Amino acid sequence: SKAPPHSSFGGGGGGGGGHRPYM
């Protein structure tokens, strides 16, 4: 729900967390 710092796949992912770019 919350937007991560720098995430390429948007904030609704949840799997990446936010500290990862994509994978």
Protein backbone atom coordinates (compact mmCIF):
# COMPACT_ATOMS: atom_id res chain seq x y z
CA SER A 1 0.00 0.00 0.00
CA LYS A 2 2.77 2.44 0.92
CA ALA A 3 5.15 3.69 -1.76
CA PRO A 4 8.74 2.37 -1.47
CA PRO A 5 11.87 4.62 -1.68
CA HIS A 6 12.98 3.53 -5.16
CA SER A 7 11.04 0.66 -6.60
CA SER A 8 10.52 0.16 -10.32
CA PHE A 9 7.34 -1.93 -10.01
CA GLY A 10 5.35 0.57 -7.97
CA GLY A 11 4.19 0.58 -4.34
CA GLY A 12 1.56 -2.17 -4.47
CA GLY A 13 4.15 -4.91 -5.00
CA GLY A 14 5.09 -5.80 -1.45
CA GLY A 15 7.39 -8.61 -2.64
CA GLY A 16 10.28 -6.29 -3.36
CA GLY A 17 9.97 -4.39 -0.11
CA GLY A 18 11.43 -1.10 -1.25
CA HIS A 19 15.17 -1.47 -0.72
CA ARG A 20 15.36 -3.36 -4.01
CA PRO A 21 15.05 -1.79 -7.50
CA TYR A 22 13.06 -4.68 -8.97
CA MET A 23 14.49 -8.12 -8.25
